[in-house]
Amino acid sequence: MKAASLFLALEVMISYTAAHAVTLEMVTVGNPGNAPDTEVMITDLTTGFGSVGYVYQIGKYEVTAGQYTEFLNAVAKADPHRLYHDLMGDLVGIQRSDSSPNYSYSVGSNCGDDCASLPVSLVSFWDAARFANWLHNGQPSGAQGPGTTEDGAYVNVGNKATFARQPGAKYFIPSEDEWYKAAYHDQSAGLAASYFDYPTGTNSQPGNDLTETTKPGNNVNTPFTGEGHPFDRTMVGEFELSDNPYGTFDQGGNVWEWNEGLYFSARALRGGSFLTNGIRAFYRTGNDPIFEDLDVGFRIATIIPEPSALLLGALACVGLLVQRRCVTRFAFSRRTAESRDLRDFVPLNFDASHRRAGALHALDRGDKGLVQIGGLTVELEPRDAVARQNASVGTSRFVQLVGVFVRHFGFG
């Protein structure tokens, strides 16, 4: 594709000086205020799922064993809340060594596939809530407690009566409506109550062809989709042409996924697994929040803050995280051979909880530019080789670009 036809794109990633920060790929679920589905659930005769009144993001993939291993290494050197299941070593591929309070965790090689890229399983609803709290709190290292796993997105983890998502939660287990909309709503239908039967954007029974060659695909990892079923977890996104209209993978099959919904007195599960069916929209089930099984996992969702809050968070990302350096990378391709404007850039995934700003200055680094705003380091980098070849912009230009960015969101 010629440089003149490249579309301006933005990729934003928050990373820290912590050696192995977890980065979750998210997709945006729009159409806020869409009508609920009229499908009646065959398990409990409930209906009306899928209406969400705001734009949000949900994990493109299920949380993986590799990501959960980083979580364990950060907060489970002692493990009072049993975030690690004793069978994870043999069945999930997460190995634990040493003894409390000096446990360490690693991804094994006993999965037959890339263990790190398989969905984590043998996790309870409470485990998922503590993972969300850890993300909300900035992925800190330390004992399980306030500021790491026991508050943040949720309070009273482990207490069925008082557990609740908090206003301002940045990462969380999806509500049942959030999960259902991302899985089954027809994105092209706008606000209409138009939903698919299956979370591959179709009303036709999916297959399980791992060698799929046609886009869109219609394949999932369940035991009732034809011959040759693998009868085990598959790497997240392995059915690489079978994403749904909003862009998620594996919301049908692979592992059941916790959501915040209530199923009688239990927490709800959706999506079926490699062991059991349940991929159709009309099927919901649940289990006690302490329940753990080989085919039960989860994915994470997040709310997209308003642009002003995003920038304020960007300006102060490190101000309150004293021991971390926040690096935000803006990778861009050029719309034309001459264009280097940041006006159309939209920031995502900034921490909006901090409110300190600092001086703006920039540093040259060859074909890149490092712009520092207070404690935040913003790296502007050409996304591809064509743009990189034409990106010989100096310090003053990067200051100008960030100035445009700041003014565009009302801070200049």
Protein backbone atom coordinates (compact mmCIF):
# COMPACT_ATOMS: atom_id res chain seq x y z
CA MET A 1 0.00 0.00 0.00
CA LYS A 2 1.37 3.42 -0.94
CA ALA A 3 2.11 5.94 1.80
CA ALA A 4 -0.48 8.34 0.34
CA SER A 5 -3.24 5.82 0.98
CA LEU A 6 -2.23 4.78 4.46
CA PHE A 7 -4.85 5.56 7.06
CA LEU A 8 -3.80 7.44 10.15
CA ALA A 9 -3.82 4.99 13.06
CA LEU A 10 -3.09 5.07 16.74
CA GLU A 11 -1.83 2.38 19.01
CA VAL A 12 -1.54 3.17 22.67
CA MET A 13 0.18 0.97 25.18
CA ILE A 14 0.90 1.68 28.83
CA SER A 15 4.00 -0.11 30.08
CA TYR A 16 6.04 0.12 33.26
CA THR A 17 9.55 -0.47 34.38
CA ALA A 18 8.25 -3.59 36.11
CA ALA A 19 9.88 -6.38 34.15
CA HIS A 20 6.73 -8.08 32.87
CA ALA A 21 3.72 -5.77 32.92
CA VAL A 22 0.49 -7.32 31.63
CA THR A 23 -0.95 -5.70 28.50
CA LEU A 24 -4.48 -6.67 27.50
CA GLU A 25 -5.67 -6.22 23.92
CA MET A 26 -9.09 -4.61 24.05
CA VAL A 27 -11.82 -4.00 21.48
CA THR A 28 -14.34 -1.17 21.64
CA VAL A 29 -18.04 -1.95 21.92
CA GLY A 30 -20.04 1.00 20.66
CA ASN A 31 -23.71 1.60 19.89
CA PRO A 32 -24.47 2.91 23.41
CA GLY A 33 -28.13 2.62 24.35
CA ASN A 34 -28.84 -0.39 22.13
CA ALA A 35 -32.07 -2.26 22.77
CA PRO A 36 -31.94 -5.52 24.75
CA ASP A 37 -32.37 -8.92 23.17
CA THR A 38 -35.77 -10.59 23.37
CA GLU A 39 -34.30 -14.11 23.43
CA VAL A 40 -35.60 -16.20 26.34
CA MET A 41 -32.97 -18.25 28.17
CA ILE A 42 -33.72 -21.96 28.15
CA THR A 43 -32.10 -22.50 31.56
CA ASP A 44 -34.05 -20.02 33.70
CA LEU A 45 -36.54 -18.27 31.33
CA THR A 46 -34.94 -14.85 31.88
CA THR A 47 -34.70 -12.37 29.01
CA GLY A 48 -33.69 -8.81 28.17
CA PHE A 49 -29.89 -9.14 28.06
CA GLY A 50 -27.43 -7.04 26.08
CA SER A 51 -28.45 -3.41 26.48
CA VAL A 52 -25.53 -1.17 27.53
CA GLY A 53 -25.88 2.59 27.74
CA TYR A 54 -22.23 3.56 27.28
CA VAL A 55 -19.21 2.79 25.14
CA TYR A 56 -16.81 0.33 26.76
CA GLN A 57 -13.97 -2.00 25.91
CA ILE A 58 -13.70 -5.72 26.47
CA GLY A 59 -10.79 -8.11 26.16
CA LYS A 60 -10.20 -9.25 22.62
CA TYR A 61 -9.10 -12.53 24.16
CA GLU A 62 -9.62 -14.44 27.37
CA VAL A 63 -7.03 -13.78 30.09
CA THR A 64 -4.14 -16.14 29.40
CA ALA A 65 -2.05 -18.40 31.59
CA GLY A 66 0.95 -16.16 30.87
CA GLN A 67 -0.87 -13.04 32.07
CA TYR A 68 -2.15 -14.78 35.16
CA THR A 69 1.39 -15.98 35.93
CA GLU A 70 2.58 -12.35 36.02
CA PHE A 71 -0.25 -11.59 38.43
CA LEU A 72 0.80 -14.46 40.70
CA ASN A 73 4.44 -13.38 40.70
CA ALA A 74 3.34 -9.88 41.72
CA VAL A 75 0.99 -10.73 44.59
CA ALA A 76 1.24 -14.41 45.52
CA LYS A 77 4.68 -14.94 47.07
CA ALA A 78 2.47 -15.92 49.96
CA ASP A 79 -0.99 -16.91 48.78
CA PRO A 80 -3.58 -16.56 51.55
CA HIS A 81 -6.49 -16.26 49.09
CA ARG A 82 -5.44 -19.29 47.05
CA LEU A 83 -5.07 -17.50 43.74
CA TYR A 84 -3.05 -20.52 42.63
CA HIS A 85 -4.85 -23.84 42.33
CA ASP A 86 -2.75 -26.90 43.15
CA LEU A 87 -3.68 -28.53 39.82
CA MET A 88 -2.55 -25.58 37.72
CA GLY A 89 0.88 -27.08 37.25
CA ASP A 90 -0.40 -30.28 35.64
CA LEU A 91 -3.56 -29.01 33.95
CA VAL A 92 -3.08 -25.32 33.14
CA GLY A 93 0.68 -25.04 32.62
CA ILE A 94 1.51 -22.67 35.49
CA GLN A 95 4.26 -24.06 37.70
CA ARG A 96 4.88 -22.99 41.29
CA SER A 97 8.24 -23.40 43.02
CA ASP A 98 9.79 -22.65 46.42
CA SER A 99 7.59 -22.20 49.48
CA SER A 100 5.54 -19.48 51.14
CA PRO A 101 6.34 -16.60 51.56
CA ASN A 102 8.75 -16.97 48.63
CA TYR A 103 6.65 -18.68 46.00
CA SER A 104 7.59 -18.03 42.38
CA TYR A 105 5.63 -18.94 39.28
CA SER A 106 6.50 -19.76 35.70
CA VAL A 107 4.77 -20.94 32.57
CA GLY A 108 5.52 -24.59 31.88
CA SER A 109 6.05 -26.48 28.65
CA ASN A 110 3.69 -29.37 29.28
CA CYS A 111 0.68 -28.11 27.32
CA GLY A 112 1.45 -29.37 23.85
CA ASP A 113 0.89 -25.77 22.73
CA ASP A 114 2.30 -22.45 23.90
CA CYS A 115 1.16 -22.65 27.54
CA ALA A 116 1.40 -18.90 28.01
CA SER A 117 -1.13 -18.26 25.22
CA LEU A 118 -3.75 -20.70 26.47
CA PRO A 119 -6.63 -19.26 28.50
CA VAL A 120 -6.09 -19.51 32.24
CA SER A 121 -8.54 -21.84 33.94
CA LEU A 122 -9.11 -23.31 37.40
CA VAL A 123 -9.89 -19.76 38.53
CA SER A 124 -12.83 -18.75 40.69
CA PHE A 125 -14.97 -15.63 40.35
CA TRP A 126 -13.12 -14.21 43.36
CA ASP A 127 -9.77 -14.89 41.64
CA ALA A 128 -10.99 -12.94 38.61
CA ALA A 129 -12.15 -10.04 40.82
CA ARG A 130 -8.74 -9.88 42.50
CA PHE A 131 -7.02 -9.88 39.11
CA ALA A 132 -9.24 -6.94 38.11
CA ASN A 133 -8.38 -5.09 41.33
CA TRP A 134 -4.69 -5.64 40.63
CA LEU A 135 -5.06 -4.15 37.15
CA HIS A 136 -7.08 -1.23 38.52
CA ASN A 137 -4.37 -0.50 41.09
CA GLY A 138 -1.62 -0.35 38.44
CA GLN A 139 -0.26 -3.92 38.68
CA PRO A 140 1.59 -3.41 41.98
CA SER A 141 3.84 -5.98 43.61
CA GLY A 142 3.14 -6.84 47.23
CA ALA A 143 1.10 -8.90 49.63
CA GLN A 144 -2.55 -9.60 48.92
CA GLY A 145 -4.44 -6.80 50.64
CA PRO A 146 -5.62 -3.20 50.23
CA GLY A 147 -3.91 -1.52 47.30
CA THR A 148 -3.20 -4.80 45.51
CA THR A 149 -6.03 -7.36 45.38
CA GLU A 150 -8.63 -6.49 48.01
CA ASP A 151 -9.88 -3.12 46.84
CA GLY A 152 -9.92 -0.93 43.76
CA ALA A 153 -12.44 -2.00 41.15
CA TYR A 154 -14.23 -4.11 43.77
CA VAL A 155 -14.68 -4.07 47.53
CA ASN A 156 -15.49 -6.95 49.87
CA VAL A 157 -14.09 -9.61 47.59
CA GLY A 158 -15.19 -12.96 48.98
CA ASN A 159 -18.35 -11.62 50.61
CA LYS A 160 -21.42 -12.60 48.58
CA ALA A 161 -23.68 -10.09 50.32
CA THR A 162 -21.57 -6.92 50.06
CA PHE A 163 -19.26 -7.51 47.08
CA ALA A 164 -19.69 -4.70 44.54
CA ARG A 165 -18.05 -2.97 41.60
CA GLN A 166 -17.02 0.55 42.57
CA PRO A 167 -17.80 3.75 40.67
CA GLY A 168 -14.70 4.63 38.68
CA ALA A 169 -13.56 1.01 38.29
CA LYS A 170 -10.98 0.96 35.51
CA TYR A 171 -10.77 -2.79 34.90
CA PHE A 172 -13.45 -5.28 35.87
CA ILE A 173 -15.20 -8.54 35.10
CA PRO A 174 -17.83 -7.70 32.48
CA SER A 175 -21.41 -7.38 33.60
CA GLU A 176 -23.68 -9.92 31.95
CA ASP A 177 -25.07 -7.23 29.63
CA GLU A 178 -21.55 -6.10 28.69
CA TRP A 179 -20.49 -9.68 28.01
CA TYR A 180 -23.66 -10.55 26.08
CA LYS A 181 -23.59 -7.45 23.89
CA ALA A 182 -19.96 -7.98 22.90
CA ALA A 183 -20.69 -11.62 22.08
CA TYR A 184 -24.01 -11.53 20.24
CA HIS A 185 -25.11 -8.02 19.25
CA ASP A 186 -25.07 -7.18 15.55
CA GLN A 187 -22.72 -4.20 15.43
CA SER A 188 -24.06 -3.08 12.05
CA ALA A 189 -27.61 -2.85 13.44
CA GLY A 190 -26.84 0.23 15.52
CA LEU A 191 -29.28 0.51 18.42
CA ALA A 192 -31.71 -2.13 17.13
CA ALA A 193 -32.43 -5.29 19.09
CA SER A 194 -30.60 -7.42 16.53
CA TYR A 195 -28.59 -10.30 17.99
CA PHE A 196 -26.95 -13.39 16.55
CA ASP A 197 -27.47 -16.89 17.89
CA TYR A 198 -23.74 -17.55 18.08
CA PRO A 199 -20.76 -15.39 19.16
CA THR A 200 -19.15 -15.63 15.73
CA GLY A 201 -21.60 -13.18 14.14
CA THR A 202 -23.86 -15.83 12.67
CA ASN A 203 -27.06 -17.80 13.18
CA SER A 204 -25.50 -20.94 11.72
CA GLN A 205 -24.04 -23.71 13.85
CA PRO A 206 -20.24 -23.18 14.06
CA GLY A 207 -17.67 -25.80 13.15
CA ASN A 208 -14.23 -26.34 14.63
CA ASP A 209 -11.85 -26.01 11.70
CA LEU A 210 -8.47 -24.85 12.99
CA THR A 211 -7.24 -24.49 9.39
CA GLU A 212 -10.02 -22.08 8.40
CA THR A 213 -9.18 -20.05 5.31
CA THR A 214 -12.34 -18.02 4.73
CA LYS A 215 -13.16 -14.70 6.40
CA PRO A 216 -15.48 -14.48 8.21
CA GLY A 217 -14.91 -17.85 9.80
CA ASN A 218 -17.43 -19.67 11.93
CA ASN A 219 -15.44 -21.96 14.20
CA VAL A 220 -15.27 -22.45 17.96
CA ASN A 221 -13.71 -24.89 20.41
CA THR A 222 -16.56 -27.00 21.78
CA PRO A 223 -17.15 -30.77 21.72
CA PHE A 224 -20.31 -30.54 19.61
CA THR A 225 -18.99 -28.87 16.48
CA GLY A 226 -17.96 -31.83 14.37
CA GLU A 227 -15.16 -34.35 13.98
CA GLY A 228 -11.59 -33.71 15.07
CA HIS A 229 -12.40 -31.68 18.17
CA PRO A 230 -9.18 -31.10 20.17
CA PHE A 231 -10.81 -31.76 23.61
CA ASP A 232 -8.50 -29.26 25.25
CA ARG A 233 -8.00 -25.53 25.46
CA THR A 234 -6.76 -23.86 22.30
CA MET A 235 -4.54 -20.78 22.21
CA VAL A 236 -6.61 -17.62 22.49
CA GLY A 237 -7.57 -16.39 19.04
CA GLU A 238 -6.46 -19.62 17.39
CA PHE A 239 -9.61 -19.60 15.26
CA GLU A 240 -8.10 -16.48 13.77
CA LEU A 241 -10.83 -15.77 11.21
CA SER A 242 -13.72 -16.37 13.61
CA ASP A 243 -13.83 -13.11 15.52
CA ASN A 244 -17.28 -11.64 16.06
CA PRO A 245 -18.53 -8.26 14.74
CA TYR A 246 -17.06 -6.32 17.67
CA GLY A 247 -13.73 -8.13 17.30
CA THR A 248 -13.57 -10.60 20.20
CA PHE A 249 -12.39 -14.19 19.95
CA ASP A 250 -13.51 -17.30 21.84
CA GLN A 251 -16.62 -15.93 23.48
CA GLY A 252 -17.97 -19.27 22.33
CA GLY A 253 -16.07 -22.34 23.51
CA ASN A 254 -12.55 -22.74 24.87
CA VAL A 255 -13.44 -21.91 28.51
CA TRP A 256 -16.60 -20.77 30.26
CA GLU A 257 -16.27 -17.12 31.23
CA TRP A 258 -17.34 -15.54 34.51
CA ASN A 259 -19.43 -12.40 34.36
CA GLU A 260 -20.93 -10.26 37.13
CA GLY A 261 -24.47 -11.49 36.56
CA LEU A 262 -26.37 -13.43 39.19
CA TYR A 263 -27.70 -16.87 38.34
CA PHE A 264 -30.06 -17.49 41.24
CA SER A 265 -27.63 -17.16 44.18
CA ALA A 266 -24.58 -17.98 42.03
CA ARG A 267 -22.41 -15.93 39.69
CA ALA A 268 -23.19 -16.27 36.01
CA LEU A 269 -21.13 -18.09 33.39
CA ARG A 270 -21.44 -17.73 29.63
CA GLY A 271 -20.03 -19.09 26.40
CA GLY A 272 -19.55 -22.84 26.79
CA SER A 273 -16.17 -24.55 26.74
CA PHE A 274 -14.04 -27.22 25.14
CA LEU A 275 -15.76 -29.75 27.42
CA THR A 276 -19.39 -28.64 27.29
CA ASN A 277 -21.74 -26.83 24.95
CA GLY A 278 -23.47 -23.58 25.83
CA ILE A 279 -22.30 -21.29 23.04
CA ARG A 280 -25.78 -20.14 21.92
CA ALA A 281 -27.18 -16.87 23.14
CA PHE A 282 -30.10 -18.56 24.88
CA TYR A 283 -27.85 -20.49 27.27
CA ARG A 284 -26.66 -19.14 30.58
CA THR A 285 -25.58 -20.93 33.71
CA GLY A 286 -23.67 -20.16 36.89
CA ASN A 287 -21.87 -21.49 39.91
CA ASP A 288 -20.73 -20.51 43.37
CA PRO A 289 -18.06 -17.77 43.17
CA ILE A 290 -15.53 -20.12 44.81
CA PHE A 291 -16.03 -22.68 42.02
CA GLU A 292 -12.94 -23.60 40.00
CA ASP A 293 -12.75 -25.99 37.08
CA LEU A 294 -10.48 -26.87 34.18
CA ASP A 295 -12.82 -25.25 31.67
CA VAL A 296 -13.64 -22.01 33.55
CA GLY A 297 -11.79 -18.74 32.93
CA PHE A 298 -12.60 -15.08 32.31
CA ARG A 299 -11.90 -11.92 30.33
CA ILE A 300 -11.63 -8.32 31.45
CA ALA A 301 -13.50 -5.17 30.43
CA THR A 302 -12.90 -1.45 30.93
CA ILE A 303 -14.75 1.85 30.52
CA ILE A 304 -13.38 4.44 28.10
CA PRO A 305 -12.95 7.72 30.01
CA GLU A 306 -13.81 11.08 28.52
CA PRO A 307 -10.92 12.59 26.49
CA SER A 308 -10.26 15.30 29.11
CA ALA A 309 -9.91 12.70 31.85
CA LEU A 310 -7.68 10.65 29.59
CA LEU A 311 -5.25 13.48 29.09
CA LEU A 312 -5.20 14.45 32.74
CA GLY A 313 -4.37 10.87 33.57
CA ALA A 314 -1.64 10.88 30.95
CA LEU A 315 -0.13 14.04 32.36
CA ALA A 316 0.17 12.50 35.81
CA CYS A 317 0.70 8.81 35.15
CA VAL A 318 3.92 8.67 37.08
CA GLY A 319 3.33 11.46 39.55
CA LEU A 320 1.69 9.13 42.06
CA LEU A 321 3.30 5.91 40.88
CA VAL A 322 6.68 6.82 42.30
CA GLN A 323 8.45 3.59 41.49
CA ARG A 324 7.13 3.23 37.94
CA ARG A 325 7.83 5.02 34.69
CA CYS A 326 4.81 5.24 32.45
CA VAL A 327 5.58 5.06 28.75
CA THR A 328 2.87 5.69 26.20
CA ARG A 329 3.72 4.88 22.60
CA PHE A 330 1.92 6.66 19.78
CA ALA A 331 2.60 4.65 16.64
CA PHE A 332 1.47 6.36 13.48
CA SER A 333 1.45 5.79 9.76
CA ARG A 334 1.16 8.77 7.46
CA ARG A 335 -2.05 9.63 5.69
CA THR A 336 -0.04 11.45 3.01
CA ALA A 337 3.65 11.89 2.38
CA GLU A 338 3.46 15.31 4.02
CA SER A 339 1.08 14.74 6.93
CA ARG A 340 2.47 14.47 10.45
CA ASP A 341 -0.44 15.92 12.36
CA LEU A 342 -1.70 14.50 15.65
CA ARG A 343 -5.10 16.19 15.40
CA ASP A 344 -6.94 12.99 14.60
CA PHE A 345 -5.28 10.92 17.28
CA VAL A 346 -7.57 9.60 20.03
CA PRO A 347 -5.90 8.44 23.26
CA LEU A 348 -6.99 5.18 24.87
CA ASN A 349 -6.33 3.39 28.15
CA PHE A 350 -4.88 6.28 30.12
CA ASP A 351 -5.06 6.13 33.89
CA ALA A 352 -7.56 8.86 34.72
CA SER A 353 -7.26 8.79 38.49
CA HIS A 354 -4.37 11.23 38.89
CA ARG A 355 -4.52 14.98 38.61
CA ARG A 356 -0.99 16.36 38.44
CA ALA A 357 0.66 17.95 35.42
CA GLY A 358 4.19 19.04 34.73
CA ALA A 359 6.36 20.84 32.26
CA LEU A 360 6.46 19.85 28.61
CA HIS A 361 9.75 19.11 26.95
CA ALA A 362 11.02 16.71 24.33
CA LEU A 363 14.08 14.64 23.58
CA ASP A 364 15.40 13.61 20.17
CA ARG A 365 16.14 9.98 19.52
CA GLY A 366 16.88 9.38 15.87
CA ASP A 367 13.68 8.63 13.98
CA LYS A 368 11.64 8.71 17.20
CA GLY A 369 10.73 11.45 19.61
CA LEU A 370 10.39 11.16 23.36
CA VAL A 371 8.08 13.79 24.75
CA GLN A 372 7.98 14.16 28.51
CA ILE A 373 4.97 15.75 30.19
CA GLY A 374 5.66 15.78 33.90
CA GLY A 375 6.52 12.18 34.79
CA LEU A 376 4.93 10.83 31.61
CA THR A 377 7.14 9.86 28.71
CA VAL A 378 5.33 9.88 25.36
CA GLU A 379 7.11 8.14 22.51
CA LEU A 380 6.00 9.12 19.03
CA GLU A 381 7.11 6.54 16.54
CA PRO A 382 6.28 5.80 12.88
CA ARG A 383 4.15 2.69 12.70
CA ASP A 384 5.65 1.17 9.56
CA ALA A 385 8.81 1.24 7.46
CA VAL A 386 7.43 3.69 4.91
CA ALA A 387 6.48 6.21 7.57
CA ARG A 388 9.71 5.60 9.46
CA GLN A 389 11.75 6.45 6.39
CA ASN A 390 10.02 9.82 6.13
CA ALA A 391 9.87 10.69 9.81
CA SER A 392 13.02 12.73 10.27
CA VAL A 393 11.39 15.25 12.58
CA GLY A 394 13.37 16.98 15.28
CA THR A 395 12.70 18.01 18.84
CA SER A 396 10.85 21.18 17.98
CA ARG A 397 8.48 19.30 15.73
CA PHE A 398 7.59 16.84 18.48
CA VAL A 399 6.92 19.69 20.89
CA GLN A 400 4.67 21.19 18.23
CA LEU A 401 2.85 17.90 17.70
CA VAL A 402 2.20 17.42 21.39
CA GLY A 403 1.11 21.03 21.60
CA VAL A 404 -1.50 20.30 18.93
CA PHE A 405 -2.54 17.24 20.91
CA VAL A 406 -2.88 19.24 24.13
CA ARG A 407 -4.80 22.06 22.47
CA HIS A 408 -7.08 19.61 20.71
CA PHE A 409 -8.30 18.32 24.08
CA GLY A 410 -8.58 21.73 25.67
CA PHE A 411 -5.37 21.96 27.70
CA GLY A 412 -3.33 24.35 25.60
